[in-house]
Amino acid sequence: MHRSLLFAAVATVAVACATSPLGRQQLRFFPGDQMAEMGAAAFAQTRKETPAVSDPALTGYVKCVADAITPLVEGGPETWEVVVFDDPQANAFALPGGKIGVYRGLLDVAKTQHQLATVIGHEIAHVQAEHGNERVSTAYATEAGLQLVQALAGGQGAQNDNVMALLGLGAQVGVLLPFSRTQETEADLIGLDLMARAGFDPRESVQLWQNMGAGGNGAPPEFLSTHPSHGTRTDDLNRRMDQALALYQEAQQQGRTPDCRR
């Protein structure tokens, strides 16, 4: 990464307060272009380490779902890069700067376009809410700040892995994502609205997380985890469902009716 990141981080002396799309106060130090640079570097490392699938139909299917959602992201980039990784994990991520990765194994759990849109919408919501920026900023403000600055300036190995983890890489979707419960809940609700506005049926979000729960092989109880339990997650989604269904019906009336097929 560019050395300018080091100097920008060191020069940050005041607390940068911001507000999430749901009105929560956040700590965010880093401007969007620096976060995009971190996202691009993390994405490049993931592409280097994990091959992409060779099936154009599979890639086209995932891209179709993502392309229906990304134009609705407030403040997002004009173009998003989408890669399907040839790995059996039920995993996906989105990164600042417009990078989306979906692991092949997710398609065994997200069985319809609407369920896949649930996950992609959730991951994009992390980016829209700048949860990565919030996590990097929080780490910078703690005792780990010096190591983080070194990583931002071009660190290798464990330092770079730490930045990737802060951006949301390296953990399984719906099981052990390295975001807080609050951030996870925000991403669920923002993602639900995104998928509905794109014309995907928000009711299938509940089935998706039930699928995740059934495949969790004994996921830890909520008080031991950094993410909401599947029951809490679906309860939160159901409480927002009337609003999401109204957005879904409006999208249909406006002609947003995605037809993505494998």
Protein backbone atom coordinates (compact mmCIF):
# COMPACT_ATOMS: atom_id res chain seq x y z
CA MET A 1 0.00 0.00 0.00
CA HIS A 2 1.11 3.59 -0.52
CA ARG A 3 3.27 5.21 2.12
CA SER A 4 0.80 8.10 2.17
CA LEU A 5 -1.44 5.92 4.32
CA LEU A 6 1.19 5.94 7.05
CA PHE A 7 1.45 9.73 7.12
CA ALA A 8 -2.33 10.19 6.96
CA ALA A 9 -2.81 7.83 9.88
CA VAL A 10 -0.11 9.48 12.00
CA ALA A 11 -1.55 12.91 11.21
CA THR A 12 -4.99 11.94 12.53
CA VAL A 13 -5.22 13.51 15.97
CA ALA A 14 -8.91 14.30 16.43
CA VAL A 15 -11.71 11.80 16.94
CA ALA A 16 -13.70 11.46 13.72
CA CYS A 17 -17.34 11.00 14.68
CA ALA A 18 -19.81 9.82 12.07
CA THR A 19 -23.25 8.25 11.92
CA SER A 20 -24.24 4.89 10.46
CA PRO A 21 -27.21 4.62 8.04
CA LEU A 22 -29.35 3.54 11.02
CA GLY A 23 -28.32 6.51 13.13
CA ARG A 24 -25.67 4.93 15.36
CA GLN A 25 -22.61 7.00 16.29
CA GLN A 26 -19.37 5.64 14.79
CA LEU A 27 -15.66 6.27 15.03
CA ARG A 28 -14.24 6.70 11.51
CA PHE A 29 -10.77 8.13 10.91
CA PHE A 30 -10.02 7.19 7.32
CA PRO A 31 -11.29 8.82 4.10
CA GLY A 32 -12.98 6.73 1.47
CA ASP A 33 -10.06 6.63 -0.96
CA GLN A 34 -7.76 5.13 1.67
CA MET A 35 -10.37 2.52 2.62
CA ALA A 36 -10.79 1.69 -1.07
CA GLU A 37 -7.04 1.19 -1.35
CA MET A 38 -7.08 -1.19 1.60
CA GLY A 39 -10.01 -3.06 0.05
CA ALA A 40 -8.26 -3.37 -3.30
CA ALA A 41 -5.09 -4.72 -1.68
CA ALA A 42 -7.02 -7.25 0.41
CA PHE A 43 -8.99 -8.35 -2.65
CA ALA A 44 -5.82 -8.79 -4.70
CA GLN A 45 -4.33 -10.97 -1.97
CA THR A 46 -7.45 -13.11 -1.83
CA ARG A 47 -7.41 -13.56 -5.62
CA LYS A 48 -3.77 -14.57 -5.44
CA GLU A 49 -4.42 -17.17 -2.76
CA THR A 50 -7.75 -18.61 -3.98
CA PRO A 51 -8.60 -19.52 -7.60
CA ALA A 52 -11.78 -18.30 -9.24
CA VAL A 53 -14.30 -20.75 -10.64
CA SER A 54 -14.01 -21.50 -14.34
CA ASP A 55 -17.77 -21.85 -14.96
CA PRO A 56 -18.98 -18.67 -16.70
CA ALA A 57 -22.63 -19.54 -16.01
CA LEU A 58 -21.99 -19.69 -12.27
CA THR A 59 -20.08 -16.42 -12.33
CA GLY A 60 -22.79 -14.83 -14.44
CA TYR A 61 -25.47 -15.92 -11.99
CA VAL A 62 -23.71 -14.38 -9.00
CA LYS A 63 -22.87 -11.23 -10.95
CA CYS A 64 -26.51 -10.91 -12.02
CA VAL A 65 -27.61 -10.83 -8.38
CA ALA A 66 -24.86 -8.41 -7.36
CA ASP A 67 -25.46 -6.12 -10.34
CA ALA A 68 -29.12 -5.75 -9.33
CA ILE A 69 -28.12 -4.48 -5.87
CA THR A 70 -24.97 -2.40 -6.32
CA PRO A 71 -26.58 0.57 -8.19
CA LEU A 72 -28.68 1.17 -5.07
CA VAL A 73 -25.73 1.58 -2.71
CA GLU A 74 -25.61 5.17 -1.48
CA GLY A 75 -22.16 6.64 -1.97
CA GLY A 76 -20.90 3.45 -3.58
CA PRO A 77 -18.55 3.21 -6.57
CA GLU A 78 -19.94 3.21 -10.09
CA THR A 79 -18.52 -0.23 -10.85
CA TRP A 80 -18.11 -3.28 -8.64
CA GLU A 81 -15.83 -6.24 -9.28
CA VAL A 82 -17.42 -9.62 -8.56
CA VAL A 83 -15.45 -12.87 -8.27
CA VAL A 84 -16.72 -16.36 -7.44
CA PHE A 85 -13.97 -18.26 -5.65
CA ASP A 86 -13.58 -22.00 -6.14
CA ASP A 87 -13.77 -22.95 -2.49
CA PRO A 88 -16.38 -25.10 -0.65
CA GLN A 89 -16.88 -22.63 2.20
CA ALA A 90 -20.29 -21.03 2.66
CA ASN A 91 -18.58 -17.67 2.56
CA ALA A 92 -18.83 -14.21 0.98
CA PHE A 93 -17.54 -10.70 1.54
CA ALA A 94 -17.64 -7.17 0.18
CA LEU A 95 -14.83 -4.65 0.53
CA PRO A 96 -14.47 -0.87 0.31
CA GLY A 97 -13.81 0.24 -3.24
CA GLY A 98 -16.40 -2.05 -4.81
CA LYS A 99 -15.06 -5.59 -4.42
CA ILE A 100 -17.35 -8.59 -3.90
CA GLY A 101 -16.25 -12.16 -3.35
CA VAL A 102 -18.55 -15.17 -3.17
CA TYR A 103 -17.28 -18.66 -2.35
CA ARG A 104 -18.73 -21.56 -4.31
CA GLY A 105 -19.94 -23.34 -1.16
CA LEU A 106 -22.36 -20.52 -0.38
CA LEU A 107 -24.50 -21.61 -3.32
CA ASP A 108 -25.23 -24.89 -1.53
CA VAL A 109 -26.84 -22.88 1.27
CA ALA A 110 -28.29 -19.91 -0.63
CA LYS A 111 -30.53 -21.98 -2.86
CA THR A 112 -32.39 -19.23 -4.75
CA GLN A 113 -31.51 -15.84 -6.22
CA HIS A 114 -33.38 -14.21 -3.35
CA GLN A 115 -31.37 -16.07 -0.72
CA LEU A 116 -28.11 -15.22 -2.49
CA ALA A 117 -29.26 -11.59 -2.59
CA THR A 118 -29.73 -11.77 1.18
CA VAL A 119 -26.04 -12.57 1.68
CA ILE A 120 -24.73 -10.19 -0.97
CA GLY A 121 -26.97 -7.42 0.35
CA HIS A 122 -25.73 -8.10 3.88
CA GLU A 123 -22.08 -7.92 2.82
CA ILE A 124 -22.59 -4.77 0.75
CA ALA A 125 -24.38 -3.25 3.74
CA HIS A 126 -21.19 -3.64 5.78
CA VAL A 127 -19.47 -1.50 3.14
CA GLN A 128 -22.27 1.07 2.91
CA ALA A 129 -22.29 1.42 6.72
CA GLU A 130 -18.46 1.70 6.67
CA HIS A 131 -18.05 -1.03 9.27
CA GLY A 132 -14.56 -1.76 7.98
CA ASN A 133 -13.56 1.86 8.49
CA GLU A 134 -15.06 1.75 11.97
CA ARG A 135 -13.08 -1.37 12.88
CA VAL A 136 -9.81 -0.10 11.43
CA SER A 137 -10.32 3.25 13.19
CA THR A 138 -11.08 1.56 16.50
CA ALA A 139 -7.96 -0.59 16.20
CA TYR A 140 -5.90 2.47 15.32
CA ALA A 141 -7.19 4.24 18.46
CA THR A 142 -6.10 1.35 20.72
CA GLU A 143 -2.76 -0.12 21.69
CA ALA A 144 -2.71 -1.93 18.32
CA GLY A 145 -2.45 1.40 16.53
CA LEU A 146 1.29 1.24 15.84
CA GLN A 147 1.08 -2.22 14.29
CA LEU A 148 -1.91 -1.12 12.23
CA VAL A 149 -0.05 1.93 10.91
CA GLN A 150 2.81 -0.34 9.87
CA ALA A 151 0.37 -2.64 8.07
CA LEU A 152 -1.33 0.28 6.32
CA ALA A 153 2.05 1.45 5.13
CA GLY A 154 2.81 -1.88 3.47
CA GLY A 155 3.15 -4.51 6.17
CA GLN A 156 3.57 -8.16 5.35
CA GLY A 157 2.40 -11.45 6.78
CA ALA A 158 0.47 -11.26 10.05
CA GLN A 159 0.20 -7.46 9.87
CA ASN A 160 -1.51 -7.59 6.49
CA ASP A 161 -3.74 -10.46 7.67
CA ASN A 162 -4.86 -8.29 10.57
CA VAL A 163 -6.00 -5.54 8.20
CA MET A 164 -7.85 -8.10 6.08
CA ALA A 165 -9.63 -9.40 9.20
CA LEU A 166 -10.64 -5.88 10.17
CA LEU A 167 -12.16 -5.41 6.71
CA GLY A 168 -14.23 -8.57 7.19
CA LEU A 169 -12.21 -11.25 5.41
CA GLY A 170 -11.29 -14.69 6.63
CA ALA A 171 -14.36 -15.96 8.45
CA GLN A 172 -17.46 -17.87 7.46
CA VAL A 173 -20.66 -15.99 6.66
CA GLY A 174 -23.31 -16.38 9.33
CA VAL A 175 -21.02 -18.26 11.69
CA LEU A 176 -17.97 -16.28 12.84
CA LEU A 177 -17.75 -13.02 10.92
CA PRO A 178 -15.35 -10.67 12.68
CA PHE A 179 -17.91 -7.89 13.05
CA SER A 180 -19.66 -6.96 16.29
CA ARG A 181 -23.24 -7.96 17.00
CA THR A 182 -24.33 -4.36 16.48
CA GLN A 183 -22.63 -4.19 13.09
CA GLU A 184 -24.06 -7.56 12.09
CA THR A 185 -27.58 -6.47 12.99
CA GLU A 186 -27.14 -3.23 11.06
CA ALA A 187 -25.92 -5.17 8.01
CA ASP A 188 -28.90 -7.52 8.25
CA LEU A 189 -31.41 -4.67 8.26
CA ILE A 190 -29.67 -2.46 5.69
CA GLY A 191 -29.11 -5.51 3.50
CA LEU A 192 -32.77 -6.49 3.79
CA ASP A 193 -33.80 -3.07 2.48
CA LEU A 194 -31.20 -3.24 -0.31
CA MET A 195 -32.34 -6.62 -1.58
CA ALA A 196 -35.99 -5.57 -1.43
CA ARG A 197 -35.32 -2.32 -3.30
CA ALA A 198 -33.51 -4.36 -5.95
CA GLY A 199 -36.59 -6.52 -6.47
CA PHE A 200 -35.63 -9.63 -4.48
CA ASP A 201 -38.19 -11.17 -2.13
CA PRO A 202 -37.15 -10.16 1.42
CA ARG A 203 -39.17 -13.02 2.94
CA GLU A 204 -36.53 -15.44 1.70
CA SER A 205 -33.96 -13.79 3.97
CA VAL A 206 -35.46 -15.67 6.90
CA GLN A 207 -35.15 -18.99 5.07
CA LEU A 208 -31.54 -18.22 4.18
CA TRP A 209 -30.53 -17.71 7.81
CA GLN A 210 -32.48 -20.82 8.77
CA ASN A 211 -30.43 -22.68 6.18
CA MET A 212 -27.30 -21.21 7.74
CA GLY A 213 -28.42 -22.34 11.17
CA ALA A 214 -29.14 -25.85 9.96
CA GLY A 215 -25.65 -26.03 8.48
CA GLY A 216 -23.91 -24.53 11.50
CA ASN A 217 -22.99 -27.85 13.11
CA GLY A 218 -23.62 -26.58 16.60
CA ALA A 219 -22.95 -22.86 16.31
CA PRO A 220 -22.03 -21.29 19.66
CA PRO A 221 -24.75 -19.69 21.80
CA GLU A 222 -25.26 -15.97 21.27
CA PHE A 223 -23.51 -14.86 24.47
CA LEU A 224 -20.30 -16.59 23.30
CA SER A 225 -20.38 -15.12 19.81
CA THR A 226 -19.82 -11.76 18.14
CA HIS A 227 -22.87 -12.19 15.93
CA PRO A 228 -26.59 -12.52 16.73
CA SER A 229 -27.96 -16.02 17.15
CA HIS A 230 -29.98 -17.30 14.20
CA GLY A 231 -33.17 -16.91 16.25
CA THR A 232 -32.40 -13.29 17.12
CA ARG A 233 -31.39 -12.59 13.54
CA THR A 234 -34.65 -13.90 12.07
CA ASP A 235 -36.70 -12.11 14.75
CA ASP A 236 -35.05 -8.81 13.81
CA LEU A 237 -35.68 -9.46 10.13
CA ASN A 238 -39.33 -10.31 10.73
CA ARG A 239 -39.84 -7.09 12.70
CA ARG A 240 -38.61 -5.12 9.66
CA MET A 241 -40.41 -7.28 7.11
CA ASP A 242 -43.44 -5.05 6.53
CA GLN A 243 -41.15 -2.15 5.59
CA ALA A 244 -39.07 -4.43 3.36
CA LEU A 245 -42.15 -5.83 1.64
CA ALA A 246 -43.33 -2.31 0.86
CA LEU A 247 -39.94 -1.61 -0.75
CA TYR A 248 -40.19 -4.91 -2.66
CA GLN A 249 -43.62 -4.08 -4.01
CA GLU A 250 -42.44 -0.62 -5.03
CA ALA A 251 -39.47 -2.16 -6.85
CA GLN A 252 -41.74 -4.50 -8.76
CA GLN A 253 -44.00 -1.64 -9.76
CA GLN A 254 -40.93 0.20 -11.08
CA GLY A 255 -39.93 -2.82 -13.15
CA ARG A 256 -37.09 -4.10 -10.98
CA THR A 257 -37.72 -7.83 -11.26
CA PRO A 258 -34.38 -9.68 -11.41
CA ASP A 259 -34.36 -13.05 -13.12
CA CYS A 260 -30.96 -14.51 -12.26
CA ARG A 261 -30.51 -18.19 -13.06
CA ARG A 262 -27.68 -20.67 -12.66
